[in-house]
Amino acid sequence: WMISHNAAEAIARAVDELDVDGVIVGVSRRNALYRLLRG
């Protein structure tokens, strides 16, 4: 679990630190604003 000003940056940092080779991005069904932010 992380808290960040920028989710993409936080995930990319974790990928680098943990040396993973894949990221799965998923969300529950939400409103249009949330879909925009996910994009």
PDB file of all heavy atoms in Angstrom:
ATOM      1  N   TRP A   1       0.869  -1.180   0.000  1.00  0.00           N
ATOM      2  CA  TRP A   1       0.000   0.000   0.000  1.00  0.00           C
ATOM      3  C   TRP A   1       0.898   1.219   0.000  1.00  0.00           C
ATOM      4  O   TRP A   1       1.874   1.295   0.745  1.00  0.00           O
ATOM      5  CB  TRP A   1      -0.898   0.006   1.231  1.00  0.00           C
ATOM      6  CG  TRP A   1      -1.674   1.282   1.370  1.00  0.00           C
ATOM      7  CD1 TRP A   1      -2.802   1.630   0.683  1.00  0.00           C
ATOM      8  CD2 TRP A   1      -1.375   2.377   2.228  1.00  0.00           C
ATOM      9  NE1 TRP A   1      -3.229   2.876   1.062  1.00  0.00           N
ATOM     10  CE2 TRP A   1      -2.357   3.361   2.014  1.00  0.00           C
ATOM     11  CE3 TRP A   1      -0.372   2.635   3.144  1.00  0.00           C
ATOM     12  CZ2 TRP A   1      -2.376   4.560   2.689  1.00  0.00           C
ATOM     13  CZ3 TRP A   1      -0.380   3.834   3.820  1.00  0.00           C
ATOM     14  CH2 TRP A   1      -1.384   4.785   3.600  1.00  0.00           C
ATOM     15  N   MET A   2       0.590   2.172  -0.863  1.00  0.00           N
ATOM     16  CA  MET A   2       1.376   3.402  -0.943  1.00  0.00           C
ATOM     17  C   MET A   2       0.448   4.603  -1.021  1.00  0.00           C
ATOM     18  O   MET A   2      -0.674   4.493  -1.505  1.00  0.00           O
ATOM     19  CB  MET A   2       2.261   3.408  -2.194  1.00  0.00           C
ATOM     20  CG  MET A   2       3.356   2.379  -2.203  1.00  0.00           C
ATOM     21  SD  MET A   2       4.329   2.468  -3.725  1.00  0.00           S
ATOM     22  CE  MET A   2       5.312   3.919  -3.401  1.00  0.00           C
ATOM     23  N   ILE A   3       0.957   5.734  -0.577  1.00  0.00           N
ATOM     24  CA  ILE A   3       0.275   7.006  -0.775  1.00  0.00           C
ATOM     25  C   ILE A   3       1.271   7.894  -1.514  1.00  0.00           C
ATOM     26  O   ILE A   3       2.465   7.875  -1.220  1.00  0.00           O
ATOM     27  CB  ILE A   3      -0.185   7.622   0.560  1.00  0.00           C
ATOM     28  CG1 ILE A   3      -1.048   8.842   0.319  1.00  0.00           C
ATOM     29  CG2 ILE A   3       0.964   7.929   1.458  1.00  0.00           C
ATOM     30  CD1 ILE A   3      -1.795   9.309   1.563  1.00  0.00           C
ATOM     31  N   SER A   4       0.778   8.621  -2.516  1.00  0.00           N
ATOM     32  CA  SER A   4       1.687   9.401  -3.347  1.00  0.00           C
ATOM     33  C   SER A   4       0.963  10.576  -3.974  1.00  0.00           C
ATOM     34  O   SER A   4      -0.257  10.560  -4.136  1.00  0.00           O
ATOM     35  CB  SER A   4       2.257   8.499  -4.454  1.00  0.00           C
ATOM     36  OG  SER A   4       3.060   9.238  -5.340  1.00  0.00           O
ATOM     37  N   HIS A   5       1.735  11.573  -4.376  1.00  0.00           N
ATOM     38  CA  HIS A   5       1.189  12.697  -5.145  1.00  0.00           C
ATOM     39  C   HIS A   5       0.925  12.263  -6.579  1.00  0.00           C
ATOM     40  O   HIS A   5       0.121  12.862  -7.274  1.00  0.00           O
ATOM     41  CB  HIS A   5       2.170  13.872  -5.168  1.00  0.00           C
ATOM     42  CG  HIS A   5       2.519  14.392  -3.817  1.00  0.00           C
ATOM     43  ND1 HIS A   5       1.587  14.942  -2.975  1.00  0.00           N
ATOM     44  CD2 HIS A   5       3.700  14.442  -3.155  1.00  0.00           C
ATOM     45  CE1 HIS A   5       2.184  15.318  -1.855  1.00  0.00           C
ATOM     46  NE2 HIS A   5       3.456  15.014  -1.933  1.00  0.00           N
ATOM     47  N   ASN A   6       1.653  11.225  -7.039  1.00  0.00           N
ATOM     48  CA  ASN A   6       1.568  10.775  -8.420  1.00  0.00           C
ATOM     49  C   ASN A   6       1.625   9.254  -8.442  1.00  0.00           C
ATOM     50  O   ASN A   6       2.678   8.655  -8.228  1.00  0.00           O
ATOM     51  CB  ASN A   6       2.728  11.383  -9.215  1.00  0.00           C
ATOM     52  CG  ASN A   6       2.682  11.045 -10.676  1.00  0.00           C
ATOM     53  OD1 ASN A   6       2.443   9.910 -11.055  1.00  0.00           O
ATOM     54  ND2 ASN A   6       2.937  12.035 -11.512  1.00  0.00           N
ATOM     55  N   ALA A   7       0.485   8.617  -8.713  1.00  0.00           N
ATOM     56  CA  ALA A   7       0.410   7.156  -8.660  1.00  0.00           C
ATOM     57  C   ALA A   7       1.325   6.502  -9.682  1.00  0.00           C
ATOM     58  O   ALA A   7       1.992   5.504  -9.377  1.00  0.00           O
ATOM     59  CB  ALA A   7      -1.037   6.701  -8.872  1.00  0.00           C
ATOM     60  N   ALA A   8       1.372   7.032 -10.908  1.00  0.00           N
ATOM     61  CA  ALA A   8       2.227   6.437 -11.946  1.00  0.00           C
ATOM     62  C   ALA A   8       3.691   6.465 -11.526  1.00  0.00           C
ATOM     63  O   ALA A   8       4.415   5.479 -11.690  1.00  0.00           O
ATOM     64  CB  ALA A   8       2.028   7.158 -13.273  1.00  0.00           C
ATOM     65  N   GLU A   9       4.117   7.567 -10.964  1.00  0.00           N
ATOM     66  CA  GLU A   9       5.499   7.686 -10.507  1.00  0.00           C
ATOM     67  C   GLU A   9       5.785   6.708  -9.365  1.00  0.00           C
ATOM     68  O   GLU A   9       6.836   6.069  -9.320  1.00  0.00           O
ATOM     69  CB  GLU A   9       5.765   9.115 -10.054  1.00  0.00           C
ATOM     70  CG  GLU A   9       7.202   9.384  -9.675  1.00  0.00           C
ATOM     71  CD  GLU A   9       7.406  10.835  -9.293  1.00  0.00           C
ATOM     72  OE1 GLU A   9       7.134  11.702 -10.146  1.00  0.00           O
ATOM     73  OE2 GLU A   9       7.822  11.074  -8.148  1.00  0.00           O
ATOM     74  N   ALA A  10       4.851   6.570  -8.435  1.00  0.00           N
ATOM     75  CA  ALA A  10       5.029   5.648  -7.308  1.00  0.00           C
ATOM     76  C   ALA A  10       5.131   4.206  -7.795  1.00  0.00           C
ATOM     77  O   ALA A  10       5.985   3.445  -7.325  1.00  0.00           O
ATOM     78  CB  ALA A  10       3.866   5.796  -6.329  1.00  0.00           C
ATOM     79  N   ILE A  11       4.284   3.825  -8.728  1.00  0.00           N
ATOM     80  CA  ILE A  11       4.322   2.461  -9.264  1.00  0.00           C
ATOM     81  C   ILE A  11       5.634   2.225 -10.003  1.00  0.00           C
ATOM     82  O   ILE A  11       6.272   1.173  -9.830  1.00  0.00           O
ATOM     83  CB  ILE A  11       3.105   2.201 -10.163  1.00  0.00           C
ATOM     84  CG1 ILE A  11       1.816   2.246  -9.334  1.00  0.00           C
ATOM     85  CG2 ILE A  11       3.236   0.860 -10.875  1.00  0.00           C
ATOM     86  CD1 ILE A  11       0.543   2.302 -10.159  1.00  0.00           C
ATOM     87  N   ALA A  12       6.046   3.177 -10.822  1.00  0.00           N
ATOM     88  CA  ALA A  12       7.296   3.031 -11.575  1.00  0.00           C
ATOM     89  C   ALA A  12       8.491   2.907 -10.630  1.00  0.00           C
ATOM     90  O   ALA A  12       9.406   2.109 -10.879  1.00  0.00           O
ATOM     91  CB  ALA A  12       7.478   4.204 -12.528  1.00  0.00           C
ATOM     92  N   ARG A  13       8.490   3.673  -9.532  1.00  0.00           N
ATOM     93  CA  ARG A  13       9.572   3.554  -8.535  1.00  0.00           C
ATOM     94  C   ARG A  13       9.594   2.162  -7.923  1.00  0.00           C
ATOM     95  O   ARG A  13      10.650   1.563  -7.737  1.00  0.00           O
ATOM     96  CB  ARG A  13       9.390   4.603  -7.434  1.00  0.00           C
ATOM     97  CG  ARG A  13      10.172   5.854  -7.631  1.00  0.00           C
ATOM     98  CD  ARG A  13      10.256   6.740  -6.374  1.00  0.00           C
ATOM     99  NE  ARG A  13       9.264   6.531  -5.349  1.00  0.00           N
ATOM    100  CZ  ARG A  13       8.150   7.250  -5.207  1.00  0.00           C
ATOM    101  NH1 ARG A  13       7.870   8.214  -6.048  1.00  0.00           N
ATOM    102  NH2 ARG A  13       7.334   7.000  -4.216  1.00  0.00           N
ATOM    103  N   ALA A  14       8.404   1.646  -7.595  1.00  0.00           N
ATOM    104  CA  ALA A  14       8.330   0.307  -7.005  1.00  0.00           C
ATOM    105  C   ALA A  14       8.807  -0.749  -7.996  1.00  0.00           C
ATOM    106  O   ALA A  14       9.507  -1.698  -7.614  1.00  0.00           O
ATOM    107  CB  ALA A  14       6.896   0.009  -6.565  1.00  0.00           C
ATOM    108  N   VAL A  15       8.442  -0.609  -9.262  1.00  0.00           N
ATOM    109  CA  VAL A  15       8.899  -1.545 -10.299  1.00  0.00           C
ATOM    110  C   VAL A  15      10.419  -1.566 -10.338  1.00  0.00           C
ATOM    111  O   VAL A  15      11.039  -2.628 -10.392  1.00  0.00           O
ATOM    112  CB  VAL A  15       8.315  -1.156 -11.681  1.00  0.00           C
ATOM    113  CG1 VAL A  15       9.057  -1.839 -12.818  1.00  0.00           C
ATOM    114  CG2 VAL A  15       6.838  -1.494 -11.731  1.00  0.00           C
ATOM    115  N   ASP A  16      11.014  -0.391 -10.296  1.00  0.00           N
ATOM    116  CA  ASP A  16      12.468  -0.289 -10.338  1.00  0.00           C
ATOM    117  C   ASP A  16      13.099  -0.914  -9.096  1.00  0.00           C
ATOM    118  O   ASP A  16      14.034  -1.706  -9.189  1.00  0.00           O
ATOM    119  CB  ASP A  16      12.877   1.178 -10.465  1.00  0.00           C
ATOM    120  CG  ASP A  16      14.363   1.345 -10.662  1.00  0.00           C
ATOM    121  OD1 ASP A  16      14.932   0.651 -11.537  1.00  0.00           O
ATOM    122  OD2 ASP A  16      14.967   2.172  -9.950  1.00  0.00           O
ATOM    123  N   GLU A  17      12.578  -0.577  -7.913  1.00  0.00           N
ATOM    124  CA  GLU A  17      13.139  -1.079  -6.653  1.00  0.00           C
ATOM    125  C   GLU A  17      12.982  -2.596  -6.517  1.00  0.00           C
ATOM    126  O   GLU A  17      13.863  -3.267  -6.000  1.00  0.00           O
ATOM    127  CB  GLU A  17      12.475  -0.395  -5.460  1.00  0.00           C
ATOM    128  CG  GLU A  17      12.862   1.051  -5.291  1.00  0.00           C
ATOM    129  CD  GLU A  17      14.305   1.215  -4.845  1.00  0.00           C
ATOM    130  OE1 GLU A  17      14.782   0.411  -4.019  1.00  0.00           O
ATOM    131  OE2 GLU A  17      14.945   2.152  -5.342  1.00  0.00           O
ATOM    132  N   LEU A  18      11.826  -3.116  -6.952  1.00  0.00           N
ATOM    133  CA  LEU A  18      11.538  -4.541  -6.773  1.00  0.00           C
ATOM    134  C   LEU A  18      11.960  -5.391  -7.964  1.00  0.00           C
ATOM    135  O   LEU A  18      11.855  -6.612  -7.918  1.00  0.00           O
ATOM    136  CB  LEU A  18      10.046  -4.733  -6.497  1.00  0.00           C
ATOM    137  CG  LEU A  18       9.529  -4.042  -5.233  1.00  0.00           C
ATOM    138  CD1 LEU A  18       8.019  -4.135  -5.168  1.00  0.00           C
ATOM    139  CD2 LEU A  18      10.178  -4.641  -3.993  1.00  0.00           C
ATOM    140  N   ASP A  19      12.396  -4.747  -9.040  1.00  0.00           N
ATOM    141  CA  ASP A  19      12.861  -5.435 -10.240  1.00  0.00           C
ATOM    142  C   ASP A  19      11.816  -6.421 -10.779  1.00  0.00           C
ATOM    143  O   ASP A  19      12.100  -7.589 -10.996  1.00  0.00           O
ATOM    144  CB  ASP A  19      14.182  -6.160  -9.954  1.00  0.00           C
ATOM    145  CG  ASP A  19      14.874  -6.601 -11.229  1.00  0.00           C
ATOM    146  OD1 ASP A  19      14.706  -5.932 -12.268  1.00  0.00           O
ATOM    147  OD2 ASP A  19      15.580  -7.638 -11.198  1.00  0.00           O
ATOM    148  N   VAL A  20      10.596  -5.930 -10.962  1.00  0.00           N
ATOM    149  CA  VAL A  20       9.534  -6.776 -11.498  1.00  0.00           C
ATOM    150  C   VAL A  20       9.469  -6.634 -13.011  1.00  0.00           C
ATOM    151  O   VAL A  20       9.968  -5.659 -13.584  1.00  0.00           O
ATOM    152  CB  VAL A  20       8.150  -6.445 -10.875  1.00  0.00           C
ATOM    153  CG1 VAL A  20       8.170  -6.652  -9.381  1.00  0.00           C
ATOM    154  CG2 VAL A  20       7.726  -5.030 -11.205  1.00  0.00           C
ATOM    155  N   ASP A  21       8.867  -7.614 -13.668  1.00  0.00           N
ATOM    156  CA  ASP A  21       8.796  -7.562 -15.126  1.00  0.00           C
ATOM    157  C   ASP A  21       7.382  -7.384 -15.651  1.00  0.00           C
ATOM    158  O   ASP A  21       7.139  -7.486 -16.846  1.00  0.00           O
ATOM    159  CB  ASP A  21       9.435  -8.797 -15.747  1.00  0.00           C
ATOM    160  CG  ASP A  21       8.793 -10.091 -15.288  1.00  0.00           C
ATOM    161  OD1 ASP A  21       7.776 -10.036 -14.581  1.00  0.00           O
ATOM    162  OD2 ASP A  21       9.313 -11.163 -15.640  1.00  0.00           O
ATOM    163  N   GLY A  22       6.429  -7.099 -14.764  1.00  0.00           N
ATOM    164  CA  GLY A  22       5.070  -6.876 -15.215  1.00  0.00           C
ATOM    165  C   GLY A  22       4.240  -6.128 -14.194  1.00  0.00           C
ATOM    166  O   GLY A  22       4.426  -6.289 -12.990  1.00  0.00           O
ATOM    167  N   VAL A  23       3.341  -5.287 -14.693  1.00  0.00           N
ATOM    168  CA  VAL A  23       2.421  -4.533 -13.855  1.00  0.00           C
ATOM    169  C   VAL A  23       1.017  -4.747 -14.397  1.00  0.00           C
ATOM    170  O   VAL A  23       0.786  -4.601 -15.598  1.00  0.00           O
ATOM    171  CB  VAL A  23       2.751  -3.014 -13.872  1.00  0.00           C
ATOM    172  CG1 VAL A  23       1.704  -2.222 -13.110  1.00  0.00           C
ATOM    173  CG2 VAL A  23       4.137  -2.763 -13.316  1.00  0.00           C
ATOM    174  N   ILE A  24       0.104  -5.116 -13.526  1.00  0.00           N
ATOM    175  CA  ILE A  24      -1.295  -5.252 -13.899  1.00  0.00           C
ATOM    176  C   ILE A  24      -2.046  -4.097 -13.259  1.00  0.00           C
ATOM    177  O   ILE A  24      -1.971  -3.900 -12.052  1.00  0.00           O
ATOM    178  CB  ILE A  24      -1.883  -6.593 -13.409  1.00  0.00           C
ATOM    179  CG1 ILE A  24      -1.117  -7.759 -14.024  1.00  0.00           C
ATOM    180  CG2 ILE A  24      -3.373  -6.670 -13.745  1.00  0.00           C
ATOM    181  CD1 ILE A  24      -1.505  -9.113 -13.442  1.00  0.00           C
ATOM    182  N   VAL A  25      -2.743  -3.322 -14.078  1.00  0.00           N
ATOM    183  CA  VAL A  25      -3.519  -2.196 -13.584  1.00  0.00           C
ATOM    184  C   VAL A  25      -4.988  -2.557 -13.718  1.00  0.00           C
ATOM    185  O   VAL A  25      -5.458  -2.885 -14.804  1.00  0.00           O
ATOM    186  CB  VAL A  25      -3.223  -0.899 -14.385  1.00  0.00           C
ATOM    187  CG1 VAL A  25      -4.111   0.238 -13.912  1.00  0.00           C
ATOM    188  CG2 VAL A  25      -1.759  -0.530 -14.260  1.00  0.00           C
ATOM    189  N   GLY A  26      -5.708  -2.514 -12.607  1.00  0.00           N
ATOM    190  CA  GLY A  26      -7.128  -2.825 -12.621  1.00  0.00           C
ATOM    191  C   GLY A  26      -7.875  -1.928 -11.664  1.00  0.00           C
ATOM    192  O   GLY A  26      -7.309  -1.440 -10.694  1.00  0.00           O
ATOM    193  N   VAL A  27      -9.122  -1.680 -11.980  1.00  0.00           N
ATOM    194  CA  VAL A  27      -9.975  -0.874 -11.111  1.00  0.00           C
ATOM    195  C   VAL A  27     -11.357  -1.486 -11.087  1.00  0.00           C
ATOM    196  O   VAL A  27     -11.744  -2.228 -11.983  1.00  0.00           O
ATOM    197  CB  VAL A  27     -10.089   0.593 -11.587  1.00  0.00           C
ATOM    198  CG1 VAL A  27      -8.747   1.281 -11.534  1.00  0.00           C
ATOM    199  CG2 VAL A  27     -10.683   0.678 -12.960  1.00  0.00           C
ATOM    200  N   SER A  28     -12.085  -1.154 -10.043  1.00  0.00           N
ATOM    201  CA  SER A  28     -13.485  -1.538 -10.005  1.00  0.00           C
ATOM    202  C   SER A  28     -14.255  -0.582 -10.908  1.00  0.00           C
ATOM    203  O   SER A  28     -13.740   0.443 -11.339  1.00  0.00           O
ATOM    204  CB  SER A  28     -14.013  -1.485  -8.574  1.00  0.00           C
ATOM    205  OG  SER A  28     -13.834  -0.190  -8.062  1.00  0.00           O
ATOM    206  N   ARG A  29     -15.485  -0.887 -11.186  1.00  0.00           N
ATOM    207  CA  ARG A  29     -16.289  -0.004 -12.035  1.00  0.00           C
ATOM    208  C   ARG A  29     -16.588   1.277 -11.273  1.00  0.00           C
ATOM    209  O   ARG A  29     -17.114   1.250 -10.171  1.00  0.00           O
ATOM    210  CB  ARG A  29     -17.573  -0.701 -12.444  1.00  0.00           C
ATOM    211  CG  ARG A  29     -17.272  -1.788 -13.435  1.00  0.00           C
ATOM    212  CD  ARG A  29     -18.536  -2.417 -13.973  1.00  0.00           C
ATOM    213  NE  ARG A  29     -18.250  -3.291 -15.081  1.00  0.00           N
ATOM    214  CZ  ARG A  29     -17.740  -4.500 -14.991  1.00  0.00           C
ATOM    215  NH1 ARG A  29     -17.432  -4.988 -13.827  1.00  0.00           N
ATOM    216  NH2 ARG A  29     -17.518  -5.231 -16.063  1.00  0.00           N
ATOM    217  N   ARG A  30     -16.227   2.386 -11.878  1.00  0.00           N
ATOM    218  CA  ARG A  30     -16.381   3.683 -11.221  1.00  0.00           C
ATOM    219  C   ARG A  30     -16.990   4.679 -12.189  1.00  0.00           C
ATOM    220  O   ARG A  30     -17.286   4.373 -13.327  1.00  0.00           O
ATOM    221  CB  ARG A  30     -15.010   4.206 -10.771  1.00  0.00           C
ATOM    222  CG  ARG A  30     -14.270   3.268  -9.855  1.00  0.00           C
ATOM    223  CD  ARG A  30     -14.388   3.737  -8.455  1.00  0.00           C
ATOM    224  NE  ARG A  30     -13.642   2.839  -7.582  1.00  0.00           N
ATOM    225  CZ  ARG A  30     -12.914   3.242  -6.597  1.00  0.00           C
ATOM    226  NH1 ARG A  30     -12.789   4.493  -6.338  1.00  0.00           N
ATOM    227  NH2 ARG A  30     -12.294   2.380  -5.836  1.00  0.00           N
ATOM    228  N   ASN A  31     -17.076   5.915 -11.746  1.00  0.00           N
ATOM    229  CA  ASN A  31     -17.662   6.965 -12.573  1.00  0.00           C
ATOM    230  C   ASN A  31     -16.692   7.465 -13.642  1.00  0.00           C
ATOM    231  O   ASN A  31     -15.538   7.064 -13.703  1.00  0.00           O
ATOM    232  CB  ASN A  31     -18.153   8.118 -11.698  1.00  0.00           C
ATOM    233  CG  ASN A  31     -17.026   8.794 -10.947  1.00  0.00           C
ATOM    234  OD1 ASN A  31     -15.894   8.836 -11.397  1.00  0.00           O
ATOM    235  ND2 ASN A  31     -17.345   9.330  -9.779  1.00  0.00           N
ATOM    236  N   ALA A  32     -17.168   8.377 -14.486  1.00  0.00           N
ATOM    237  CA  ALA A  32     -16.372   8.879 -15.614  1.00  0.00           C
ATOM    238  C   ALA A  32     -15.092   9.582 -15.159  1.00  0.00           C
ATOM    239  O   ALA A  32     -14.043   9.445 -15.800  1.00  0.00           O
ATOM    240  CB  ALA A  32     -17.217   9.814 -16.457  1.00  0.00           C
ATOM    241  N   LEU A  33     -15.146  10.333 -14.062  1.00  0.00           N
ATOM    242  CA  LEU A  33     -13.956  11.025 -13.568  1.00  0.00           C
ATOM    243  C   LEU A  33     -12.866  10.024 -13.192  1.00  0.00           C
ATOM    244  O   LEU A  33     -11.701  10.211 -13.521  1.00  0.00           O
ATOM    245  CB  LEU A  33     -14.309  11.898 -12.361  1.00  0.00           C
ATOM    246  CG  LEU A  33     -13.128  12.609 -11.701  1.00  0.00           C
ATOM    247  CD1 LEU A  33     -12.457  13.564 -12.683  1.00  0.00           C
ATOM    248  CD2 LEU A  33     -13.593  13.357 -10.463  1.00  0.00           C
ATOM    249  N   TYR A  34     -13.258   8.953 -12.526  1.00  0.00           N
ATOM    250  CA  TYR A  34     -12.273   7.955 -12.129  1.00  0.00           C
ATOM    251  C   TYR A  34     -11.653   7.293 -13.357  1.00  0.00           C
ATOM    252  O   TYR A  34     -10.462   7.039 -13.401  1.00  0.00           O
ATOM    253  CB  TYR A  34     -12.912   6.912 -11.203  1.00  0.00           C
ATOM    254  CG  TYR A  34     -11.881   6.112 -10.465  1.00  0.00           C
ATOM    255  CD1 TYR A  34     -11.309   6.593  -9.294  1.00  0.00           C
ATOM    256  CD2 TYR A  34     -11.447   4.880 -10.941  1.00  0.00           C
ATOM    257  CE1 TYR A  34     -10.350   5.873  -8.615  1.00  0.00           C
ATOM    258  CE2 TYR A  34     -10.486   4.156 -10.269  1.00  0.00           C
ATOM    259  CZ  TYR A  34      -9.943   4.659  -9.114  1.00  0.00           C
ATOM    260  OH  TYR A  34      -8.987   3.943  -8.449  1.00  0.00           O
ATOM    261  N   ARG A  35     -12.468   7.020 -14.382  1.00  0.00           N
ATOM    262  CA  ARG A  35     -11.945   6.426 -15.617  1.00  0.00           C
ATOM    263  C   ARG A  35     -10.950   7.373 -16.278  1.00  0.00           C
ATOM    264  O   ARG A  35      -9.929   6.944 -16.813  1.00  0.00           O
ATOM    265  CB  ARG A  35     -13.084   6.062 -16.560  1.00  0.00           C
ATOM    266  CG  ARG A  35     -13.888   4.856 -16.070  1.00  0.00           C
ATOM    267  CD  ARG A  35     -14.807   4.301 -17.138  1.00  0.00           C
ATOM    268  NE  ARG A  35     -15.771   5.266 -17.635  1.00  0.00           N
ATOM    269  CZ  ARG A  35     -16.985   5.467 -17.127  1.00  0.00           C
ATOM    270  NH1 ARG A  35     -17.377   4.770 -16.084  1.00  0.00           N
ATOM    271  NH2 ARG A  35     -17.798   6.359 -17.643  1.00  0.00           N
ATOM    272  N   LEU A  36     -11.224   8.676 -16.225  1.00  0.00           N
ATOM    273  CA  LEU A  36     -10.305   9.668 -16.781  1.00  0.00           C
ATOM    274  C   LEU A  36      -8.978   9.637 -16.025  1.00  0.00           C
ATOM    275  O   LEU A  36      -7.900   9.617 -16.624  1.00  0.00           O
ATOM    276  CB  LEU A  36     -10.924  11.060 -16.703  1.00  0.00           C
ATOM    277  CG  LEU A  36     -10.020  12.220 -17.110  1.00  0.00           C
ATOM    278  CD1 LEU A  36      -9.738  12.162 -18.602  1.00  0.00           C
ATOM    279  CD2 LEU A  36     -10.675  13.540 -16.739  1.00  0.00           C
ATOM    280  N   LEU A  37      -9.031   9.608 -14.696  1.00  0.00           N
ATOM    281  CA  LEU A  37      -7.806   9.566 -13.890  1.00  0.00           C
ATOM    282  C   LEU A  37      -7.024   8.293 -14.151  1.00  0.00           C
ATOM    283  O   LEU A  37      -5.798   8.311 -14.238  1.00  0.00           O
ATOM    284  CB  LEU A  37      -8.151   9.675 -12.398  1.00  0.00           C
ATOM    285  CG  LEU A  37      -8.714  11.015 -11.939  1.00  0.00           C
ATOM    286  CD1 LEU A  37      -9.143  10.922 -10.492  1.00  0.00           C
ATOM    287  CD2 LEU A  37      -7.709  12.120 -12.154  1.00  0.00           C
ATOM    288  N   ARG A  38      -7.733   7.165 -14.298  1.00  0.00           N
ATOM    289  CA  ARG A  38      -7.060   5.898 -14.585  1.00  0.00           C
ATOM    290  C   ARG A  38      -6.301   6.016 -15.894  1.00  0.00           C
ATOM    291  O   ARG A  38      -5.179   5.550 -16.025  1.00  0.00           O
ATOM    292  CB  ARG A  38      -8.052   4.748 -14.637  1.00  0.00           C
ATOM    293  CG  ARG A  38      -7.355   3.417 -14.930  1.00  0.00           C
ATOM    294  CD  ARG A  38      -8.303   2.304 -15.158  1.00  0.00           C
ATOM    295  NE  ARG A  38      -9.131   2.591 -16.298  1.00  0.00           N
ATOM    296  CZ  ARG A  38     -10.065   1.792 -16.750  1.00  0.00           C
ATOM    297  NH1 ARG A  38     -10.320   0.667 -16.148  1.00  0.00           N
ATOM    298  NH2 ARG A  38     -10.766   2.111 -17.802  1.00  0.00           N
ATOM    299  N   GLY A  39      -6.927   6.673 -16.894  1.00  0.00           N
ATOM    300  CA  GLY A  39      -6.257   6.877 -18.179  1.00  0.00           C
ATOM    301  C   GLY A  39      -4.967   7.658 -18.027  1.00  0.00           C
ATOM    302  O   GLY A  39      -3.964   7.365 -18.681  1.00  0.00           O
TER     303      GLY A  39
END
